[in-house]
Amino acid sequence: MEPRPVTTVEEYEKCVMGVDRGVITLLQLGADSCVRCPGFRSKVERLVTWYQFQWLYCDAHDADTDLPEHFNLSQLPAFVLKAHAETEPLVVPNATPEQLEEAVARVCTPVLVLDADF
C-alpha cells in the first residue's frame, strides 16, 4: 500500500475531515536525504497492514510544503497521528519506529484477518 501524498496544510486538513469519524490519520514526514527515513517508512508499511488508519506522506524537503512549519517539526523522521477532527494531533519529531508502533497500537483498531479455517 502506498501513502497518499500531501504537501500543504489545506490538503492535510481535507484528508482529515474527509474520512469517517472512526478512522485515524497518520501523516508521515520524511525526506530522501534522511538516513533514518527508509527504515521508518518500512515500519509504517508493516503497521498499515496490521492496523486501520489513513496513511499520508509529506516530503519535508519539498519547497512547496508548509506542513513541517505548521507542526513545528525540525527533525526527521516525524509523524502526526490524529484520532479525529475534534482532537489535537500527537506530533512526534525525530521519531523512532518503536515510538510509532506504540502510538499506533494505542489508538488504532487492529485489522481483522480471517483465515481459511474461520
C-alpha atoms as a PDB file:
ATOM      1  CA  MET A   1       0.000   0.000   0.000  1.00  0.00           C
ATOM      2  CA  GLU A   2       1.257   3.450  -0.899  1.00  0.00           C
ATOM      3  CA  PRO A   3       0.566   6.571   1.157  1.00  0.00           C
ATOM      4  CA  ARG A   4      -1.441   9.475  -0.160  1.00  0.00           C
ATOM      5  CA  PRO A   5       0.961  12.366  -0.814  1.00  0.00           C
ATOM      6  CA  VAL A   6       0.145  15.726   0.765  1.00  0.00           C
ATOM      7  CA  THR A   7       2.082  18.985   0.576  1.00  0.00           C
ATOM      8  CA  THR A   8       0.023  21.699   2.238  1.00  0.00           C
ATOM      9  CA  VAL A   9      -1.883  22.160   5.461  1.00  0.00           C
ATOM     10  CA  GLU A  10      -5.022  22.610   3.355  1.00  0.00           C
ATOM     11  CA  GLU A  11      -4.532  19.194   1.681  1.00  0.00           C
ATOM     12  CA  TYR A  12      -3.856  17.575   5.057  1.00  0.00           C
ATOM     13  CA  GLU A  13      -6.964  19.085   6.626  1.00  0.00           C
ATOM     14  CA  LYS A  14      -9.135  17.969   3.699  1.00  0.00           C
ATOM     15  CA  CYS A  15      -7.865  14.420   4.179  1.00  0.00           C
ATOM     16  CA  VAL A  16      -8.541  14.501   7.919  1.00  0.00           C
ATOM     17  CA  MET A  17     -12.009  15.987   7.500  1.00  0.00           C
ATOM     18  CA  GLY A  18     -12.901  13.700   4.607  1.00  0.00           C
ATOM     19  CA  VAL A  19     -12.660  10.389   6.418  1.00  0.00           C
ATOM     20  CA  ASP A  20     -15.138   8.561   8.587  1.00  0.00           C
ATOM     21  CA  ARG A  21     -15.246   9.654  12.198  1.00  0.00           C
ATOM     22  CA  GLY A  22     -13.572   6.497  13.463  1.00  0.00           C
ATOM     23  CA  VAL A  23     -10.629   6.496  11.042  1.00  0.00           C
ATOM     24  CA  ILE A  24      -7.253   7.596  12.364  1.00  0.00           C
ATOM     25  CA  THR A  25      -4.917   9.636  10.148  1.00  0.00           C
ATOM     26  CA  LEU A  26      -1.158   9.111  10.210  1.00  0.00           C
ATOM     27  CA  LEU A  27       0.920  11.772   8.484  1.00  0.00           C
ATOM     28  CA  GLN A  28       4.487  10.613   7.931  1.00  0.00           C
ATOM     29  CA  LEU A  29       7.089  13.312   7.248  1.00  0.00           C
ATOM     30  CA  GLY A  30      10.363  12.260   5.709  1.00  0.00           C
ATOM     31  CA  ALA A  31      12.909  13.098   3.022  1.00  0.00           C
ATOM     32  CA  ASP A  32      15.113  11.273   0.533  1.00  0.00           C
ATOM     33  CA  SER A  33      18.205  12.669   2.234  1.00  0.00           C
ATOM     34  CA  CYS A  34      17.188  11.369   5.688  1.00  0.00           C
ATOM     35  CA  VAL A  35      19.180   8.235   6.548  1.00  0.00           C
ATOM     36  CA  ARG A  36      16.628   7.041   9.125  1.00  0.00           C
ATOM     37  CA  CYS A  37      13.558   7.605   6.933  1.00  0.00           C
ATOM     38  CA  PRO A  38      13.687   4.368   4.856  1.00  0.00           C
ATOM     39  CA  GLY A  39      13.575   2.199   7.989  1.00  0.00           C
ATOM     40  CA  PHE A  40      10.809   4.342   9.405  1.00  0.00           C
ATOM     41  CA  ARG A  41       8.800   4.001   6.186  1.00  0.00           C
ATOM     42  CA  SER A  42       9.234   0.206   6.326  1.00  0.00           C
ATOM     43  CA  LYS A  43       7.698   0.242   9.792  1.00  0.00           C
ATOM     44  CA  VAL A  44       4.722   2.292   8.553  1.00  0.00           C
ATOM     45  CA  GLU A  45       4.280  -0.144   5.639  1.00  0.00           C
ATOM     46  CA  ARG A  46       4.025  -3.034   8.112  1.00  0.00           C
ATOM     47  CA  LEU A  47       1.751  -1.174  10.520  1.00  0.00           C
ATOM     48  CA  VAL A  48      -0.738  -0.246   7.799  1.00  0.00           C
ATOM     49  CA  THR A  49      -1.315  -3.970   7.248  1.00  0.00           C
ATOM     50  CA  TRP A  50      -1.826  -4.576  10.989  1.00  0.00           C
ATOM     51  CA  TYR A  51      -3.917  -1.519  11.963  1.00  0.00           C
ATOM     52  CA  GLN A  52      -6.661   0.599  10.425  1.00  0.00           C
ATOM     53  CA  PHE A  53      -5.520   4.121   9.596  1.00  0.00           C
ATOM     54  CA  GLN A  54      -5.277   6.507   6.674  1.00  0.00           C
ATOM     55  CA  TRP A  55      -1.606   6.948   5.663  1.00  0.00           C
ATOM     56  CA  LEU A  56      -0.458  10.313   4.339  1.00  0.00           C
ATOM     57  CA  TYR A  57       3.102  11.240   3.358  1.00  0.00           C
ATOM     58  CA  CYS A  58       4.864  14.587   3.099  1.00  0.00           C
ATOM     59  CA  ASP A  59       8.352  15.134   1.713  1.00  0.00           C
ATOM     60  CA  ALA A  60       9.584  17.595   4.319  1.00  0.00           C
ATOM     61  CA  HIS A  61      12.223  18.978   1.933  1.00  0.00           C
ATOM     62  CA  ASP A  62       9.685  19.829  -0.780  1.00  0.00           C
ATOM     63  CA  ALA A  63       9.921  23.574  -1.362  1.00  0.00           C
ATOM     64  CA  ASP A  64       6.124  23.846  -1.621  1.00  0.00           C
ATOM     65  CA  THR A  65       5.275  22.227   1.699  1.00  0.00           C
ATOM     66  CA  ASP A  66       4.166  24.146   4.762  1.00  0.00           C
ATOM     67  CA  LEU A  67       3.465  21.087   6.925  1.00  0.00           C
ATOM     68  CA  PRO A  68       6.787  20.878   8.843  1.00  0.00           C
ATOM     69  CA  GLU A  69       6.458  24.527   9.855  1.00  0.00           C
ATOM     70  CA  HIS A  70       2.763  24.125  10.705  1.00  0.00           C
ATOM     71  CA  PHE A  71       3.540  21.267  13.102  1.00  0.00           C
ATOM     72  CA  ASN A  72       6.827  22.824  14.364  1.00  0.00           C
ATOM     73  CA  LEU A  73       8.903  19.920  13.064  1.00  0.00           C
ATOM     74  CA  SER A  74      12.626  20.325  12.520  1.00  0.00           C
ATOM     75  CA  GLN A  75      13.876  16.738  12.859  1.00  0.00           C
ATOM     76  CA  LEU A  76      13.091  13.699  10.710  1.00  0.00           C
ATOM     77  CA  PRO A  77      11.584  11.211  10.603  1.00  0.00           C
ATOM     78  CA  ALA A  78       8.444  12.600  12.145  1.00  0.00           C
ATOM     79  CA  PHE A  79       4.798  11.697  12.341  1.00  0.00           C
ATOM     80  CA  VAL A  80       1.471  13.283  13.191  1.00  0.00           C
ATOM     81  CA  LEU A  81      -1.277  10.990  14.460  1.00  0.00           C
ATOM     82  CA  LYS A  82      -4.802  12.409  14.502  1.00  0.00           C
ATOM     83  CA  ALA A  83      -7.636  10.408  16.020  1.00  0.00           C
ATOM     84  CA  HIS A  84     -10.458  12.575  14.628  1.00  0.00           C
ATOM     85  CA  ALA A  85     -11.191  16.153  13.700  1.00  0.00           C
ATOM     86  CA  GLU A  86     -12.091  17.300  17.225  1.00  0.00           C
ATOM     87  CA  THR A  87      -8.866  16.161  18.917  1.00  0.00           C
ATOM     88  CA  GLU A  88      -5.387  17.634  18.952  1.00  0.00           C
ATOM     89  CA  PRO A  89      -2.905  15.535  16.986  1.00  0.00           C
ATOM     90  CA  LEU A  90       0.027  13.709  18.509  1.00  0.00           C
ATOM     91  CA  VAL A  91       3.124  15.270  16.906  1.00  0.00           C
ATOM     92  CA  VAL A  92       6.419  13.367  17.245  1.00  0.00           C
ATOM     93  CA  PRO A  93       9.636  14.770  15.743  1.00  0.00           C
ATOM     94  CA  ASN A  94      12.841  12.704  15.484  1.00  0.00           C
ATOM     95  CA  ALA A  95      10.634   9.633  15.865  1.00  0.00           C
ATOM     96  CA  THR A  96      11.756   6.048  16.210  1.00  0.00           C
ATOM     97  CA  PRO A  97       9.917   3.062  14.725  1.00  0.00           C
ATOM     98  CA  GLU A  98       9.205   1.944  18.291  1.00  0.00           C
ATOM     99  CA  GLN A  99       7.534   5.257  19.187  1.00  0.00           C
ATOM    100  CA  LEU A 100       5.443   4.993  16.032  1.00  0.00           C
ATOM    101  CA  GLU A 101       4.336   1.426  16.747  1.00  0.00           C
ATOM    102  CA  GLU A 102       3.458   2.258  20.346  1.00  0.00           C
ATOM    103  CA  ALA A 103       1.353   5.280  19.319  1.00  0.00           C
ATOM    104  CA  VAL A 104      -0.452   3.416  16.542  1.00  0.00           C
ATOM    105  CA  ALA A 105      -1.165   0.400  18.754  1.00  0.00           C
ATOM    106  CA  ARG A 106      -2.569   2.698  21.438  1.00  0.00           C
ATOM    107  CA  VAL A 107      -5.150   4.466  19.237  1.00  0.00           C
ATOM    108  CA  CYS A 108      -5.777   2.366  16.115  1.00  0.00           C
ATOM    109  CA  THR A 109      -8.023  -0.636  15.678  1.00  0.00           C
ATOM    110  CA  PRO A 110      -6.272  -3.837  14.552  1.00  0.00           C
ATOM    111  CA  VAL A 111      -7.125  -5.116  11.096  1.00  0.00           C
ATOM    112  CA  LEU A 112      -9.440  -8.110  11.260  1.00  0.00           C
ATOM    113  CA  VAL A 113      -7.829 -11.020   9.459  1.00  0.00           C
ATOM    114  CA  LEU A 114      -9.909 -14.077   8.739  1.00  0.00           C
ATOM    115  CA  ASP A 115      -8.003 -17.171   7.746  1.00  0.00           C
ATOM    116  CA  ALA A 116      -9.331 -20.042   5.639  1.00  0.00           C
ATOM    117  CA  ASP A 117     -10.210 -22.050   8.755  1.00  0.00           C
ATOM    118  CA  PHE A 118     -12.509 -19.420  10.201  1.00  0.00           C
END
